[in-house]
Amino acid sequence: MSNTKFDPRDFRSALGHFPTGVTVITTLDKDGAPIGCTASSFNSVSVDPALVLWSVDKNAYSATIFEHAEHFAINVLSENQVATSNKFAGRGEDKFKDVAYASGLGGVPLLEGCGAQFECKTWNVYDGGDHLIIVGEVIEYSHNDSKTPLVFSRGSYSITSQHPALNSESAEHSNSDFLNDFLLYQLNSTISQYRKELYPILIDGCNVTPEHWRILTILKQSATSDFGELSDLVMQPERDLRQSLEMLKELGVIECNADAISLTSKGVELQSELFCIAKKHEAEFLSRLSTDEVSALKNGLKRIVESL
């Protein structure tokens, strides 16, 4: 047995560097009521037979229900289902209220709007430390390739996109006017390069992750007492947001009380420093363009966003 002592929070942060999809696992309880929970632990096991697995915290309300369920479904969420993920990750509410779903294998709920769904018969349940590992045999499945998957990485939601290196190579090798002039390729390549330059400056220079920077920036605009609203704005599930806030509180840059979550004077000073760093980087990055070109670029993107 290893004598290594893990800081659970730091260990979760390390695990967060492995991006996963986001799923809602559904089943029925013994009375036939729908049950669901958000999980990113879904994985494939075997093709023949078709087996998949996921894990559920033993302390979760639904753990015993899933342990003894004959059937369950894995609903793989698409990028526009962040609210669905947050809803099923919460506690103490009717998670299926206002949620559209159909009945699948064994009457198990199949959520609408998902990228893929796997209807399973429970194959086996294994002990996995503080989790139960549930293996299911896939009996039916479906997928919608027009949907873009929702991704979870470093404690916040993200989406998939084609690697910009592939875009550049495709354009270079094909000498295609279309690829060289296609907005999606240009935006993807630019954003990737922008992040690659900016994020190390924030992390190495100020010891602030991009996720924490987003929280500080939002709180700089105004303090909030609405935890759910802050969760939506920073694109973090409530459990991960609570962890982020706890870390920022330990750093002395925020304070949390019954009235509001707000920046401390140290937090205001740090956010101002981060703002200056970000604006300096932006100016250097955009120095390749004239003032008029920068203005046209920003205003054009704003109009596109506002019209969507």
Protein backbone atom coordinates (compact mmCIF):
# COMPACT_ATOMS: atom_id res chain seq x y z
CA MET A 1 0.00 0.00 0.00
CA SER A 2 1.37 3.44 -0.96
CA ASN A 3 2.33 5.83 1.83
CA THR A 4 1.83 8.84 -0.44
CA LYS A 5 -0.47 11.38 1.15
CA PHE A 6 -2.83 13.01 -1.32
CA ASP A 7 -4.44 16.37 -0.91
CA PRO A 8 -7.92 15.39 -2.20
CA ARG A 9 -8.56 18.83 -3.68
CA ASP A 10 -5.18 18.97 -5.44
CA PHE A 11 -5.64 15.37 -6.63
CA ARG A 12 -8.99 16.33 -8.20
CA SER A 13 -7.29 19.30 -9.86
CA ALA A 14 -4.69 16.98 -11.36
CA LEU A 15 -7.41 14.63 -12.62
CA GLY A 16 -9.13 17.64 -14.17
CA HIS A 17 -6.38 17.83 -16.78
CA PHE A 18 -7.94 14.76 -18.41
CA PRO A 19 -11.00 16.14 -20.25
CA THR A 20 -14.16 14.06 -20.25
CA GLY A 21 -17.60 14.19 -21.73
CA VAL A 22 -20.61 14.96 -19.56
CA THR A 23 -23.48 12.53 -19.08
CA VAL A 24 -26.70 12.23 -17.15
CA ILE A 25 -27.34 8.68 -15.99
CA THR A 26 -31.02 7.82 -15.58
CA THR A 27 -33.03 4.95 -14.16
CA LEU A 28 -36.24 4.27 -12.19
CA ASP A 29 -36.51 3.69 -8.46
CA LYS A 30 -38.46 0.80 -6.95
CA ASP A 31 -41.67 2.84 -7.18
CA GLY A 32 -41.12 3.66 -10.85
CA ALA A 33 -40.13 7.29 -10.27
CA PRO A 34 -37.42 8.70 -12.59
CA ILE A 35 -33.95 9.13 -11.10
CA GLY A 36 -30.97 10.90 -12.66
CA CYS A 37 -27.51 12.20 -11.82
CA THR A 38 -24.71 13.96 -13.70
CA ALA A 39 -21.53 11.95 -14.20
CA SER A 40 -18.29 12.40 -16.12
CA SER A 41 -16.96 8.95 -15.23
CA PHE A 42 -18.49 7.22 -18.26
CA ASN A 43 -16.17 4.97 -20.28
CA SER A 44 -16.27 2.14 -22.77
CA VAL A 45 -15.18 -1.34 -21.66
CA SER A 46 -15.80 -3.82 -24.47
CA VAL A 47 -17.25 -4.04 -27.97
CA ASP A 48 -18.07 -7.75 -27.89
CA PRO A 49 -20.03 -7.92 -25.72
CA ALA A 50 -20.96 -4.22 -25.77
CA LEU A 51 -20.08 -3.07 -22.26
CA VAL A 52 -19.72 0.40 -20.73
CA LEU A 53 -19.14 1.62 -17.19
CA TRP A 54 -19.59 4.62 -14.96
CA SER A 55 -19.18 5.26 -11.24
CA VAL A 56 -21.35 6.81 -8.56
CA ASP A 57 -20.35 8.17 -5.14
CA LYS A 58 -21.46 5.76 -2.42
CA ASN A 59 -22.76 8.72 -0.40
CA ALA A 60 -25.01 9.89 -3.23
CA TYR A 61 -28.74 9.60 -2.65
CA SER A 62 -29.13 7.59 -5.84
CA ALA A 63 -26.21 5.18 -5.26
CA THR A 64 -28.32 2.37 -3.79
CA ILE A 65 -30.98 2.85 -6.46
CA PHE A 66 -28.45 2.49 -9.28
CA GLU A 67 -26.73 -0.41 -7.50
CA HIS A 68 -29.95 -2.45 -7.63
CA ALA A 69 -31.43 -1.10 -10.88
CA GLU A 70 -32.02 -3.65 -13.64
CA HIS A 71 -31.69 -1.03 -16.39
CA PHE A 72 -30.15 2.41 -16.78
CA ALA A 73 -29.45 4.86 -19.60
CA ILE A 74 -26.43 7.00 -20.32
CA ASN A 75 -27.43 10.34 -21.86
CA VAL A 76 -24.36 12.01 -23.41
CA LEU A 77 -24.98 15.75 -23.24
CA SER A 78 -24.44 18.22 -26.06
CA GLU A 79 -22.90 21.68 -25.74
CA ASN A 80 -26.25 23.45 -25.22
CA GLN A 81 -27.16 21.28 -22.21
CA VAL A 82 -25.09 22.95 -19.48
CA ALA A 83 -28.29 23.78 -17.57
CA THR A 84 -29.31 20.12 -17.76
CA SER A 85 -25.95 19.04 -16.35
CA ASN A 86 -26.22 21.53 -13.49
CA LYS A 87 -29.80 20.51 -12.75
CA PHE A 88 -28.97 16.82 -12.40
CA ALA A 89 -25.79 17.56 -10.44
CA GLY A 90 -27.80 19.35 -7.74
CA ARG A 91 -29.63 17.96 -4.73
CA GLY A 92 -33.01 18.32 -3.12
CA GLU A 93 -35.12 19.27 -6.13
CA ASP A 94 -37.36 17.65 -8.71
CA LYS A 95 -34.68 17.14 -11.32
CA PHE A 96 -37.15 16.06 -14.01
CA LYS A 97 -39.36 19.13 -13.66
CA ASP A 98 -39.61 20.85 -17.07
CA VAL A 99 -37.24 18.27 -18.59
CA ALA A 100 -38.44 16.59 -21.79
CA TYR A 101 -37.79 12.87 -21.97
CA ALA A 102 -39.10 9.65 -23.46
CA SER A 103 -39.24 6.13 -22.02
CA GLY A 104 -36.55 3.69 -23.09
CA LEU A 105 -35.54 0.18 -22.12
CA GLY A 106 -37.37 -0.85 -18.95
CA GLY A 107 -39.11 2.54 -18.88
CA VAL A 108 -35.85 4.35 -18.14
CA PRO A 109 -35.92 8.09 -19.05
CA LEU A 110 -34.15 9.16 -22.27
CA LEU A 111 -33.49 12.91 -22.23
CA GLU A 112 -34.18 14.93 -25.36
CA GLY A 113 -31.44 16.86 -27.15
CA CYS A 114 -28.53 14.55 -26.31
CA GLY A 115 -25.66 13.75 -28.64
CA ALA A 116 -25.78 10.02 -27.88
CA GLN A 117 -27.68 7.60 -25.66
CA PHE A 118 -26.92 4.11 -24.45
CA GLU A 119 -29.70 1.96 -22.98
CA CYS A 120 -28.15 -0.61 -20.71
CA LYS A 121 -28.91 -3.70 -18.69
CA THR A 122 -26.84 -3.82 -15.52
CA TRP A 123 -24.01 -6.32 -16.05
CA ASN A 124 -22.25 -6.07 -12.69
CA VAL A 125 -21.49 -3.68 -9.84
CA TYR A 126 -18.03 -3.48 -8.30
CA ASP A 127 -16.61 -1.82 -5.21
CA GLY A 128 -14.37 1.10 -6.15
CA GLY A 129 -13.21 2.77 -2.94
CA ASP A 130 -15.61 5.63 -2.21
CA HIS A 131 -17.51 4.89 -5.45
CA LEU A 132 -19.49 2.04 -6.95
CA ILE A 133 -18.37 1.02 -10.44
CA ILE A 134 -21.42 0.07 -12.49
CA VAL A 135 -20.93 -1.92 -15.68
CA GLY A 136 -23.78 -2.09 -18.17
CA GLU A 137 -24.43 -4.16 -21.27
CA VAL A 138 -25.59 -1.88 -24.09
CA ILE A 139 -28.85 -3.21 -25.51
CA GLU A 140 -29.83 -0.18 -27.60
CA TYR A 141 -28.02 2.98 -28.58
CA SER A 142 -28.45 6.07 -30.77
CA HIS A 143 -26.44 9.15 -31.69
CA ASN A 144 -26.92 12.49 -33.43
CA ASP A 145 -23.75 13.57 -35.23
CA SER A 146 -25.07 17.11 -35.72
CA LYS A 147 -24.65 17.69 -31.97
CA THR A 148 -21.38 18.98 -30.51
CA PRO A 149 -20.42 17.22 -27.25
CA LEU A 150 -20.29 19.05 -23.94
CA VAL A 151 -16.86 18.64 -22.35
CA PHE A 152 -15.69 18.96 -18.75
CA SER A 153 -12.07 19.95 -18.04
CA ARG A 154 -10.26 21.60 -15.12
CA GLY A 155 -13.48 22.06 -13.20
CA SER A 156 -15.42 23.89 -15.89
CA TYR A 157 -17.46 23.23 -19.00
CA SER A 158 -15.93 23.42 -22.45
CA ILE A 159 -16.63 22.27 -25.99
CA THR A 160 -14.66 20.29 -28.53
CA SER A 161 -13.06 21.85 -31.58
CA GLN A 162 -10.69 20.71 -34.27
CA HIS A 163 -7.03 21.20 -33.39
CA PRO A 164 -5.74 24.37 -35.10
CA ALA A 165 -2.57 22.60 -36.25
CA LEU A 166 -4.74 20.38 -38.42
CA ASN A 167 -6.45 23.44 -39.83
CA SER A 168 -3.11 25.04 -40.73
CA GLU A 169 -1.74 21.86 -42.26
CA SER A 170 -4.93 21.29 -44.23
CA ALA A 171 -4.83 24.80 -45.64
CA GLU A 172 -1.11 24.62 -46.39
CA HIS A 173 -1.14 21.25 -48.12
CA SER A 174 -4.32 21.83 -50.07
CA ASN A 175 -3.51 25.44 -50.99
CA SER A 176 -7.26 25.92 -50.70
CA ASP A 177 -8.64 29.43 -50.95
CA PHE A 178 -11.69 28.19 -49.05
CA LEU A 179 -9.69 26.92 -46.05
CA ASN A 180 -7.48 30.00 -46.02
CA ASP A 181 -10.53 32.26 -45.97
CA PHE A 182 -12.97 30.18 -43.87
CA LEU A 183 -14.00 31.97 -40.66
CA LEU A 184 -14.15 28.83 -38.50
CA TYR A 185 -10.56 27.89 -39.32
CA GLN A 186 -9.30 31.42 -38.69
CA LEU A 187 -11.15 31.85 -35.39
CA ASN A 188 -10.11 28.46 -34.07
CA SER A 189 -6.43 29.02 -34.88
CA THR A 190 -6.45 32.54 -33.42
CA ILE A 191 -8.18 31.56 -30.16
CA SER A 192 -5.82 28.63 -29.63
CA GLN A 193 -2.75 30.82 -30.10
CA TYR A 194 -4.22 33.56 -27.87
CA ARG A 195 -4.81 31.13 -25.00
CA LYS A 196 -1.42 29.48 -25.45
CA GLU A 197 0.30 32.83 -24.92
CA LEU A 198 -1.94 34.33 -22.21
CA TYR A 199 -2.65 31.45 -19.81
CA PRO A 200 0.99 30.73 -18.84
CA ILE A 201 1.41 34.42 -17.99
CA LEU A 202 -1.58 34.28 -15.63
CA ILE A 203 -0.60 30.98 -14.03
CA ASP A 204 3.17 31.47 -13.75
CA GLY A 205 3.08 35.18 -13.02
CA CYS A 206 0.10 35.41 -10.66
CA ASN A 207 -0.59 31.80 -9.67
CA VAL A 208 -4.14 32.13 -10.97
CA THR A 209 -5.84 29.57 -13.18
CA PRO A 210 -8.01 30.73 -16.09
CA GLU A 211 -11.05 29.44 -14.20
CA HIS A 212 -10.21 31.49 -11.09
CA TRP A 213 -9.45 34.51 -13.25
CA ARG A 214 -12.97 34.27 -14.69
CA ILE A 215 -14.48 34.27 -11.18
CA LEU A 216 -12.43 37.29 -10.08
CA THR A 217 -13.35 39.21 -13.22
CA ILE A 218 -17.07 38.62 -12.74
CA LEU A 219 -16.95 39.51 -9.04
CA LYS A 220 -15.06 42.71 -9.91
CA GLN A 221 -18.15 43.87 -11.81
CA SER A 222 -20.41 43.28 -8.81
CA ALA A 223 -20.70 41.08 -5.74
CA THR A 224 -23.42 38.45 -5.88
CA SER A 225 -25.46 36.43 -3.43
CA ASP A 226 -26.91 34.25 -6.18
CA PHE A 227 -24.70 31.17 -6.18
CA GLY A 228 -26.59 29.57 -9.07
CA GLU A 229 -26.19 32.69 -11.21
CA LEU A 230 -22.43 32.77 -10.54
CA SER A 231 -22.23 29.07 -11.45
CA ASP A 232 -23.84 29.80 -14.81
CA LEU A 233 -21.62 32.82 -15.51
CA VAL A 234 -18.32 31.05 -14.80
CA MET A 235 -19.47 27.80 -16.45
CA GLN A 236 -18.66 25.66 -13.43
CA PRO A 237 -20.96 23.14 -11.73
CA GLU A 238 -21.83 24.14 -8.18
CA ARG A 239 -19.58 21.51 -6.56
CA ASP A 240 -16.54 22.69 -8.54
CA LEU A 241 -17.42 26.35 -8.04
CA ARG A 242 -17.55 25.79 -4.27
CA GLN A 243 -14.05 24.27 -4.47
CA SER A 244 -12.79 27.23 -6.51
CA LEU A 245 -14.31 29.72 -4.07
CA GLU A 246 -12.77 27.90 -1.12
CA MET A 247 -9.32 28.09 -2.73
CA LEU A 248 -9.75 31.80 -3.52
CA LYS A 249 -10.97 32.38 0.04
CA GLU A 250 -7.84 30.69 1.42
CA LEU A 251 -5.77 33.05 -0.74
CA GLY A 252 -7.60 35.95 0.91
CA VAL A 253 -8.93 37.40 -2.35
CA ILE A 254 -12.65 36.79 -1.80
CA GLU A 255 -15.02 36.66 1.13
CA CYS A 256 -18.22 34.67 1.35
CA ASN A 257 -21.07 35.38 3.74
CA ALA A 258 -24.83 35.06 3.80
CA ASP A 259 -25.24 38.36 1.96
CA ALA A 260 -22.79 38.07 -0.91
CA ILE A 261 -19.67 36.64 -2.47
CA SER A 262 -17.30 39.54 -3.05
CA LEU A 263 -13.68 40.52 -3.58
CA THR A 264 -11.54 41.58 -0.64
CA SER A 265 -9.18 44.54 -1.00
CA LYS A 266 -6.46 42.01 -1.83
CA GLY A 267 -8.76 40.49 -4.43
CA VAL A 268 -9.44 43.88 -6.02
CA GLU A 269 -5.70 44.51 -6.21
CA LEU A 270 -5.08 41.07 -7.77
CA GLN A 271 -7.90 41.47 -10.28
CA SER A 272 -6.55 44.87 -11.31
CA GLU A 273 -3.12 43.32 -11.86
CA LEU A 274 -4.67 40.53 -13.93
CA PHE A 275 -6.63 43.08 -15.94
CA CYS A 276 -3.45 44.99 -16.79
CA ILE A 277 -1.69 41.78 -17.79
CA ALA A 278 -4.59 40.72 -20.00
CA LYS A 279 -4.86 44.15 -21.67
CA LYS A 280 -1.10 44.30 -22.27
CA HIS A 281 -1.17 40.87 -23.85
CA GLU A 282 -4.16 41.83 -25.97
CA ALA A 283 -2.39 44.97 -27.21
CA GLU A 284 0.72 42.97 -28.12
CA PHE A 285 -1.32 40.28 -29.81
CA LEU A 286 -3.31 42.79 -31.86
CA SER A 287 -0.29 44.95 -32.70
CA ARG A 288 -0.23 43.10 -36.02
CA LEU A 289 -3.34 45.09 -36.96
CA SER A 290 -4.00 48.79 -37.39
CA THR A 291 -6.23 50.65 -34.94
CA ASP A 292 -9.06 50.68 -37.49
CA GLU A 293 -8.68 46.94 -38.12
CA VAL A 294 -8.82 46.18 -34.38
CA SER A 295 -11.96 48.29 -34.00
CA ALA A 296 -13.59 46.63 -37.02
CA LEU A 297 -12.71 43.17 -35.72
CA LYS A 298 -14.14 43.74 -32.24
CA ASN A 299 -17.26 45.55 -33.42
CA GLY A 300 -17.95 42.90 -36.05
CA LEU A 301 -17.67 40.08 -33.54
CA LYS A 302 -19.90 41.97 -31.08
CA ARG A 303 -22.59 42.39 -33.71
CA ILE A 304 -22.47 38.70 -34.57
CA VAL A 305 -22.82 37.70 -30.90
CA GLU A 306 -25.63 40.17 -30.27
CA SER A 307 -27.57 38.89 -33.27
CA LEU A 308 -27.41 35.22 -32.22
